[in-house]
Amino acid sequence: MGAPAPRVTVFVPVYNRASVLRQALESVLSQRYADFELLLIDDGSSDESVEVARSLRDPRIRIEVHARNQGIPATRNHGLALARGEYLAMADSDDVSHPQRLALQVAWLDLHPEVAALGSWALRTDSSGARVEAPLLRPTAPRELAGRVLFASVMKSPTVVARTAVLREYAYREELALGSDVDLWARISARHALANLPRFLVRYRAGGISHRDGAPRLAMRRLAIEPLLAELGVPFASADLDRHAQLRNLRGFRPDAEFVAWCESWLGRLVDANARVRRYPEPEFRRAAAERALLVSLRAAAAGERSRALRLGARSLGRVVGGAPGYARLGLGALTGAAHRWR
C-alpha cells in the first residue's frame, strides 16, 4: 500500500530558472502547513534547473522532466493530471511564498466549500527579487470578481490555491500560448465562485513572459475575450476585439478621442446586454464597466482629450461610488503594500 495522498499539491512549472529556483522552492518547503507535496515539471530546460531541484533532496519533491519544451498551458495540464492533492497550489519558479500561505488559504477554502479557487494579494518585486516595486491588488469578494472578469484579470495565478477537481474539469486551453490563466478563471467563474484573500502571501518577481506585449499577446487576448463577448450576445467587429483587449490593459496607454468615443458606446452596449441576459452579477458588472470608463477618461485627460474625457468620467463616477467598501479595502491594501510589509 502506497503512502496516503497529501491534501495539497504545490505545482511549480519550470523553464530555465536555475538562478532563482532554489529560493522559490525553499519558500515552499518551509511552509508551516505540512500536508503537501511539491510537484515540479521541468519543461525542457537547457540550464541547470533540474539539478537545482534535485540538490534539495527533500522527499516531498516529485520531479517530472519534459524531453522538449511544450509550453506553459500544456505543462500546467500535465501538472493537473499528476497532482495527488485535493487542493492544487500554484507557484511560479521565480516567486517567493509567505510561510503561512498554505495554512491560511487551505483553512479559508475548508470554511468556504462554495469557492473553487482562492488567490491573494502579492508584492511585485524587481527582477532581483530584493526590492518591492508595488502591491498587486485584486478584488476579494466572489461577486466582485465575477463582475470584473470581462474587464480585467481578477486573480494572480501564482497566488492561487484551487480545488483540483474543478481545475481538471476546465483545464487550460493549450492554443493560448499567452493568457491561458486569464481564460481559465473567466470560464470557471461562469459556474463557480472565486475569491482573493486580502493578505500579501507572494512576492512576485517581475519580468517573465506574461509581461511581454506585442502582436502575439494581442492575438491571445482576442482568443480569450471572444467567447466571453459571445455569451453576452453583443455583435462585435474585429476592431472591437482589439480595442477591448486594450481596454483590459491600460498601463502606458494614451487614449485618443476616437478611442474615448468608442469606449463610451461600447461599454453602454455591454451594460445593456448584461441587463438582458444576466451573465454577470449586478450591480458589480455595471460598476466594473464604469471603472474602466473612469480610467480611460483619466488617461485621455492626461493625453489632452479633456472635454470628451470629462463627459465620460462624470457619467462613470456616480456608478463607481457604490463600490466604496471594496475600494476602501483596496486602498488600505495599497498603503500596506507600499510599506513593504511581509506579514
Protein backbone atom coordinates (compact mmCIF):
# COMPACT_ATOMS: atom_id res chain seq x y z
CA MET A 1 0.00 0.00 0.00
CA GLY A 2 1.39 3.39 -1.00
CA ALA A 3 1.63 6.50 1.13
CA PRO A 4 -1.63 8.41 1.55
CA ALA A 5 -2.18 11.31 -0.84
CA PRO A 6 -1.37 14.75 0.57
CA ARG A 7 -4.15 17.30 0.88
CA VAL A 8 -2.23 19.83 -1.22
CA THR A 9 -0.13 19.57 -4.34
CA VAL A 10 2.09 22.63 -4.81
CA PHE A 11 2.72 22.76 -8.54
CA VAL A 12 5.79 24.54 -9.93
CA PRO A 13 6.32 24.59 -13.71
CA VAL A 14 9.93 25.38 -14.61
CA TYR A 15 11.73 26.53 -17.73
CA ASN A 16 15.32 27.81 -17.47
CA ARG A 17 15.07 29.24 -13.96
CA ALA A 18 18.21 27.79 -12.37
CA SER A 19 19.38 31.14 -10.97
CA VAL A 20 16.19 31.81 -8.96
CA LEU A 21 14.63 28.37 -8.50
CA ARG A 22 16.22 27.42 -5.18
CA GLN A 23 14.75 30.41 -3.33
CA ALA A 24 11.29 29.71 -4.76
CA LEU A 25 11.38 26.03 -3.80
CA GLU A 26 12.78 26.68 -0.34
CA SER A 27 9.92 29.10 0.36
CA VAL A 28 7.50 26.25 -0.39
CA LEU A 29 9.41 23.64 1.61
CA SER A 30 9.46 25.96 4.65
CA GLN A 31 5.67 26.30 4.78
CA ARG A 32 4.16 25.96 8.24
CA TYR A 33 1.39 23.83 6.75
CA ALA A 34 2.83 20.32 6.45
CA ASP A 35 0.44 18.13 4.43
CA PHE A 36 1.66 18.81 0.89
CA GLU A 37 3.76 17.51 -1.95
CA LEU A 38 5.80 19.70 -4.28
CA LEU A 39 5.31 18.70 -7.92
CA LEU A 40 7.90 20.24 -10.24
CA ILE A 41 7.66 19.80 -14.01
CA ASP A 42 10.67 20.96 -15.99
CA ASP A 43 9.54 21.95 -19.48
CA GLY A 44 12.70 21.10 -21.40
CA SER A 45 15.11 23.48 -19.69
CA SER A 46 18.58 23.88 -21.20
CA ASP A 47 20.11 25.17 -17.96
CA GLU A 48 20.67 23.52 -14.56
CA SER A 49 17.09 23.88 -13.27
CA VAL A 50 16.57 20.13 -12.77
CA GLU A 51 19.90 19.76 -10.97
CA VAL A 52 18.98 22.63 -8.63
CA ALA A 53 15.69 20.94 -7.73
CA ARG A 54 17.31 17.55 -7.20
CA SER A 55 20.02 19.02 -5.00
CA LEU A 56 17.43 19.87 -2.35
CA ARG A 57 16.93 16.14 -1.64
CA ASP A 58 13.54 16.56 0.00
CA PRO A 59 11.18 13.55 -0.11
CA ARG A 60 8.19 15.87 -0.66
CA ILE A 61 9.53 16.88 -4.10
CA ARG A 62 8.36 15.00 -7.21
CA ILE A 63 10.19 15.91 -10.41
CA GLU A 64 8.98 15.29 -13.97
CA VAL A 65 11.06 16.32 -16.98
CA HIS A 66 9.80 17.06 -20.50
CA ALA A 67 12.23 15.98 -23.20
CA ARG A 68 11.24 19.05 -25.22
CA ASN A 69 9.56 22.34 -24.44
CA GLN A 70 5.76 22.02 -24.62
CA GLY A 71 4.72 25.49 -23.46
CA ILE A 72 3.08 26.65 -20.27
CA PRO A 73 -0.57 25.60 -20.92
CA ALA A 74 0.41 22.01 -21.80
CA THR A 75 2.78 21.86 -18.84
CA ARG A 76 0.07 23.12 -16.49
CA ASN A 77 -2.35 20.49 -17.81
CA HIS A 78 0.30 17.83 -17.22
CA GLY A 79 0.58 19.09 -13.66
CA LEU A 80 -3.18 18.81 -13.20
CA ALA A 81 -3.06 15.21 -14.40
CA LEU A 82 -0.26 14.28 -11.97
CA ALA A 83 -1.47 16.18 -8.89
CA ARG A 84 -2.49 13.96 -5.97
CA GLY A 85 -3.83 16.64 -3.63
CA GLU A 86 -7.42 17.69 -3.09
CA TYR A 87 -6.13 21.24 -3.47
CA LEU A 88 -3.61 22.48 -6.02
CA ALA A 89 -1.47 25.44 -5.01
CA MET A 90 0.13 27.28 -7.92
CA ALA A 91 3.63 28.67 -7.54
CA ASP A 92 5.94 30.23 -10.09
CA SER A 93 9.56 29.12 -10.28
CA ASP A 94 10.89 32.61 -9.51
CA ASP A 95 8.46 33.78 -6.80
CA VAL A 96 8.57 33.51 -3.02
CA SER A 97 5.65 32.26 -0.90
CA HIS A 98 4.92 33.58 2.58
CA PRO A 99 5.50 30.87 5.24
CA GLN A 100 1.81 30.99 6.23
CA ARG A 101 0.47 30.95 2.68
CA LEU A 102 -0.76 27.35 2.51
CA ALA A 103 -2.06 27.35 6.08
CA LEU A 104 -4.16 30.47 5.53
CA GLN A 105 -5.53 29.54 2.11
CA VAL A 106 -6.34 25.91 2.92
CA ALA A 107 -8.13 26.91 6.13
CA TRP A 108 -10.16 29.52 4.25
CA LEU A 109 -11.18 27.09 1.49
CA ASP A 110 -12.15 24.49 4.07
CA LEU A 111 -14.55 27.04 5.56
CA HIS A 112 -15.94 28.10 2.14
CA PRO A 113 -16.75 24.95 0.13
CA GLU A 114 -18.70 27.02 -2.40
CA VAL A 115 -15.49 28.74 -3.58
CA ALA A 116 -13.49 26.89 -6.26
CA ALA A 117 -10.27 28.91 -6.09
CA LEU A 118 -8.70 31.38 -3.69
CA GLY A 119 -5.95 33.80 -4.65
CA SER A 120 -4.30 36.51 -2.59
CA TRP A 121 -2.65 39.87 -2.93
CA ALA A 122 1.03 39.95 -3.88
CA LEU A 123 4.05 42.23 -3.75
CA ARG A 124 5.71 42.82 -7.10
CA THR A 125 9.48 42.96 -6.83
CA ASP A 126 12.21 43.91 -9.26
CA SER A 127 13.99 41.21 -11.27
CA SER A 128 16.42 40.61 -8.39
CA GLY A 129 13.57 39.86 -6.02
CA ALA A 130 15.07 42.20 -3.42
CA ARG A 131 13.18 45.46 -3.94
CA VAL A 132 9.39 45.73 -3.71
CA GLU A 133 8.07 47.87 -6.57
CA ALA A 134 4.31 47.81 -5.99
CA PRO A 135 1.44 45.94 -4.35
CA LEU A 136 -0.60 43.75 -6.71
CA LEU A 137 -4.18 44.02 -5.52
CA ARG A 138 -7.29 42.21 -6.70
CA PRO A 139 -10.94 42.38 -5.57
CA THR A 140 -11.70 39.94 -2.79
CA ALA A 141 -15.42 39.05 -2.74
CA PRO A 142 -16.75 36.45 -5.23
CA ARG A 143 -19.37 38.78 -6.74
CA GLU A 144 -16.75 41.48 -7.27
CA LEU A 145 -14.51 39.04 -9.14
CA ALA A 146 -17.37 37.70 -11.25
CA GLY A 147 -18.46 41.22 -12.19
CA ARG A 148 -14.99 42.24 -13.35
CA VAL A 149 -13.84 39.19 -15.27
CA LEU A 150 -14.68 40.67 -18.68
CA PHE A 151 -12.69 43.83 -17.96
CA ALA A 152 -9.61 42.82 -16.00
CA SER A 153 -7.53 40.00 -14.60
CA VAL A 154 -9.23 39.07 -11.33
CA MET A 155 -6.67 36.58 -9.96
CA LYS A 156 -2.89 36.45 -9.97
CA SER A 157 -2.30 32.80 -10.80
CA PRO A 158 0.89 32.22 -8.72
CA THR A 159 -1.13 33.20 -5.62
CA VAL A 160 -3.96 30.70 -6.20
CA VAL A 161 -4.93 27.58 -4.27
CA ALA A 162 -7.79 25.79 -6.04
CA ARG A 163 -9.84 22.61 -5.90
CA THR A 164 -8.00 20.16 -8.15
CA ALA A 165 -11.19 18.54 -9.44
CA VAL A 166 -12.52 21.88 -10.72
CA LEU A 167 -9.24 22.71 -12.45
CA ARG A 168 -9.25 19.33 -14.18
CA GLU A 169 -12.83 19.83 -15.34
CA TYR A 170 -11.98 23.08 -17.12
CA ALA A 171 -8.24 22.71 -17.86
CA TYR A 172 -6.07 25.15 -19.79
CA ARG A 173 -6.69 25.90 -23.47
CA GLU A 174 -3.40 24.86 -24.99
CA GLU A 175 -3.89 27.02 -28.09
CA LEU A 176 -3.47 30.07 -25.81
CA ALA A 177 0.29 30.30 -25.51
CA LEU A 178 -0.24 33.53 -23.52
CA GLY A 179 -3.18 34.39 -21.28
CA SER A 180 -4.39 30.82 -20.72
CA ASP A 181 -4.76 31.51 -16.99
CA VAL A 182 -6.97 34.57 -17.58
CA ASP A 183 -9.14 32.47 -19.88
CA LEU A 184 -9.32 29.66 -17.30
CA TRP A 185 -10.57 31.91 -14.49
CA ALA A 186 -13.14 33.51 -16.80
CA ARG A 187 -14.56 30.10 -17.74
CA ILE A 188 -14.57 28.81 -14.18
CA SER A 189 -16.24 31.96 -12.88
CA ALA A 190 -19.30 31.27 -15.03
CA ARG A 191 -20.19 28.30 -12.80
CA HIS A 192 -18.11 28.62 -9.63
CA ALA A 193 -17.21 31.29 -7.10
CA LEU A 194 -13.68 32.74 -7.00
CA ALA A 195 -12.20 34.87 -4.23
CA ASN A 196 -8.99 36.55 -3.10
CA LEU A 197 -7.60 36.74 0.42
CA PRO A 198 -6.62 40.32 1.33
CA ARG A 199 -3.16 39.32 2.51
CA PHE A 200 0.23 39.65 0.81
CA LEU A 201 1.19 35.98 0.50
CA VAL A 202 3.51 36.00 -2.54
CA ARG A 203 6.47 38.08 -3.62
CA TYR A 204 6.02 38.19 -7.39
CA ARG A 205 9.14 38.74 -9.47
CA ALA A 206 8.56 41.00 -12.49
CA GLY A 207 9.87 40.38 -15.98
CA GLY A 208 8.51 36.99 -17.12
CA ILE A 209 6.88 36.12 -20.41
CA SER A 210 3.47 37.21 -19.14
CA HIS A 211 4.71 40.82 -19.19
CA ARG A 212 5.53 40.87 -22.87
CA ASP A 213 3.32 42.82 -25.24
CA GLY A 214 3.00 42.96 -28.98
CA ALA A 215 1.05 41.22 -31.72
CA PRO A 216 1.23 37.63 -30.33
CA ARG A 217 -0.11 38.71 -26.95
CA LEU A 218 -2.87 40.77 -28.56
CA ALA A 219 -3.90 37.74 -30.63
CA MET A 220 -4.07 35.59 -27.49
CA ARG A 221 -6.16 38.22 -25.71
CA ARG A 222 -8.58 38.24 -28.62
CA LEU A 223 -8.99 34.46 -28.42
CA ALA A 224 -9.74 34.67 -24.70
CA ILE A 225 -12.16 37.60 -25.00
CA GLU A 226 -14.22 36.48 -27.99
CA PRO A 227 -16.23 33.71 -26.25
CA LEU A 228 -16.98 35.99 -23.29
CA LEU A 229 -18.46 38.62 -25.57
CA ALA A 230 -20.40 35.98 -27.50
CA GLU A 231 -22.07 34.88 -24.25
CA LEU A 232 -23.47 38.39 -23.88
CA GLY A 233 -24.92 38.28 -27.38
CA VAL A 234 -23.22 41.53 -28.36
CA PRO A 235 -22.38 41.93 -32.07
CA PHE A 236 -18.76 42.92 -32.49
CA ALA A 237 -16.21 43.55 -35.20
CA SER A 238 -12.52 42.67 -35.25
CA ALA A 239 -11.68 46.24 -34.22
CA ASP A 240 -13.91 45.88 -31.15
CA LEU A 241 -11.92 42.83 -30.05
CA ASP A 242 -8.64 44.72 -30.43
CA ARG A 243 -9.95 47.71 -28.51
CA HIS A 244 -11.49 45.60 -25.76
CA ALA A 245 -8.14 43.83 -25.34
CA GLN A 246 -6.58 47.28 -24.94
CA LEU A 247 -9.36 48.31 -22.53
CA ARG A 248 -8.36 45.43 -20.26
CA ASN A 249 -4.75 46.61 -20.14
CA LEU A 250 -4.47 50.40 -19.93
CA ARG A 251 -0.97 50.56 -18.49
CA GLY A 252 1.01 53.07 -20.52
CA PHE A 253 -1.89 53.64 -22.95
CA ARG A 254 -2.88 57.16 -24.06
CA PRO A 255 -6.46 57.10 -25.41
CA ASP A 256 -7.31 59.46 -28.25
CA ALA A 257 -10.72 61.00 -28.99
CA GLU A 258 -11.71 58.09 -31.23
CA PHE A 259 -10.98 55.53 -28.51
CA VAL A 260 -12.87 57.54 -25.87
CA ALA A 261 -15.94 57.77 -28.14
CA TRP A 262 -15.76 54.03 -28.87
CA CYS A 263 -15.36 53.25 -25.17
CA GLU A 264 -18.47 55.21 -24.21
CA SER A 265 -20.60 53.48 -26.83
CA TRP A 266 -19.08 50.01 -26.31
CA LEU A 267 -19.43 49.93 -22.55
CA GLY A 268 -23.03 51.10 -22.85
CA ARG A 269 -23.75 48.19 -25.20
CA LEU A 270 -22.16 45.70 -22.81
CA VAL A 271 -24.12 47.02 -19.83
CA ASP A 272 -27.40 46.88 -21.79
CA ALA A 273 -26.65 43.33 -22.96
CA ASN A 274 -25.92 42.12 -19.45
CA ALA A 275 -29.16 43.68 -18.22
CA ARG A 276 -30.93 41.39 -20.70
CA VAL A 277 -29.04 38.11 -20.26
CA ARG A 278 -27.71 38.46 -16.69
CA ARG A 279 -24.47 36.69 -17.47
CA TYR A 280 -22.59 38.71 -14.83
CA PRO A 281 -23.82 39.82 -11.38
CA GLU A 282 -25.29 43.28 -10.96
CA PRO A 283 -24.55 45.94 -9.85
CA GLU A 284 -20.96 44.63 -9.90
CA PHE A 285 -20.79 44.37 -13.69
CA ARG A 286 -22.14 47.89 -14.24
CA ARG A 287 -19.69 49.19 -11.66
CA ALA A 288 -16.77 47.40 -13.32
CA ALA A 289 -17.70 48.93 -16.67
CA ALA A 290 -17.84 52.35 -15.02
CA GLU A 291 -14.40 51.80 -13.51
CA ARG A 292 -12.95 51.11 -16.96
CA ALA A 293 -14.65 54.22 -18.33
CA LEU A 294 -13.29 56.33 -15.48
CA LEU A 295 -9.76 55.01 -16.02
CA VAL A 296 -9.99 55.73 -19.75
CA SER A 297 -11.28 59.25 -19.07
CA LEU A 298 -8.41 59.99 -16.67
CA ARG A 299 -5.81 58.74 -19.15
CA ALA A 300 -7.46 60.62 -22.01
CA ALA A 301 -7.50 63.85 -19.98
CA ALA A 302 -3.80 63.41 -19.28
CA ALA A 303 -3.25 62.93 -23.03
CA GLY A 304 -5.07 66.21 -23.83
CA GLU A 305 -8.58 64.90 -24.68
CA ARG A 306 -10.15 66.80 -21.81
CA SER A 307 -13.67 67.73 -22.90
CA ARG A 308 -14.71 64.28 -24.07
CA ALA A 309 -12.85 62.64 -21.20
CA LEU A 310 -14.60 64.80 -18.61
CA ARG A 311 -18.01 63.87 -20.01
CA LEU A 312 -17.20 60.16 -19.87
CA GLY A 313 -15.69 60.46 -16.40
CA ALA A 314 -18.66 62.39 -15.00
CA ARG A 315 -21.09 59.73 -16.21
CA SER A 316 -18.98 56.97 -14.69
CA LEU A 317 -18.21 58.48 -11.31
CA GLY A 318 -21.64 58.00 -9.77
CA ARG A 319 -21.73 54.33 -10.67
CA VAL A 320 -18.30 53.76 -9.16
CA VAL A 321 -19.22 55.32 -5.80
CA GLY A 322 -21.42 52.34 -4.91
CA GLY A 323 -18.32 50.19 -4.59
CA ALA A 324 -16.84 52.33 -1.79
CA PRO A 325 -16.28 49.46 0.73
CA GLY A 326 -14.34 47.44 -1.83
CA TYR A 327 -12.27 50.45 -2.86
CA ALA A 328 -11.52 51.24 0.78
CA ARG A 329 -10.23 47.68 1.22
CA LEU A 330 -8.03 48.02 -1.87
CA GLY A 331 -6.81 51.43 -0.72
CA LEU A 332 -5.80 50.05 2.65
CA GLY A 333 -4.06 47.20 0.85
CA ALA A 334 -2.16 49.66 -1.33
CA LEU A 335 -0.95 51.53 1.74
CA THR A 336 0.10 48.27 3.41
CA GLY A 337 1.89 47.13 0.28
CA ALA A 338 3.61 50.49 -0.14
CA ALA A 339 5.04 49.99 3.35
CA HIS A 340 6.60 46.74 2.06
CA ARG A 341 5.15 44.69 4.88
CA TRP A 342 5.52 40.91 4.66
CA ARG A 343 3.30 39.69 7.44
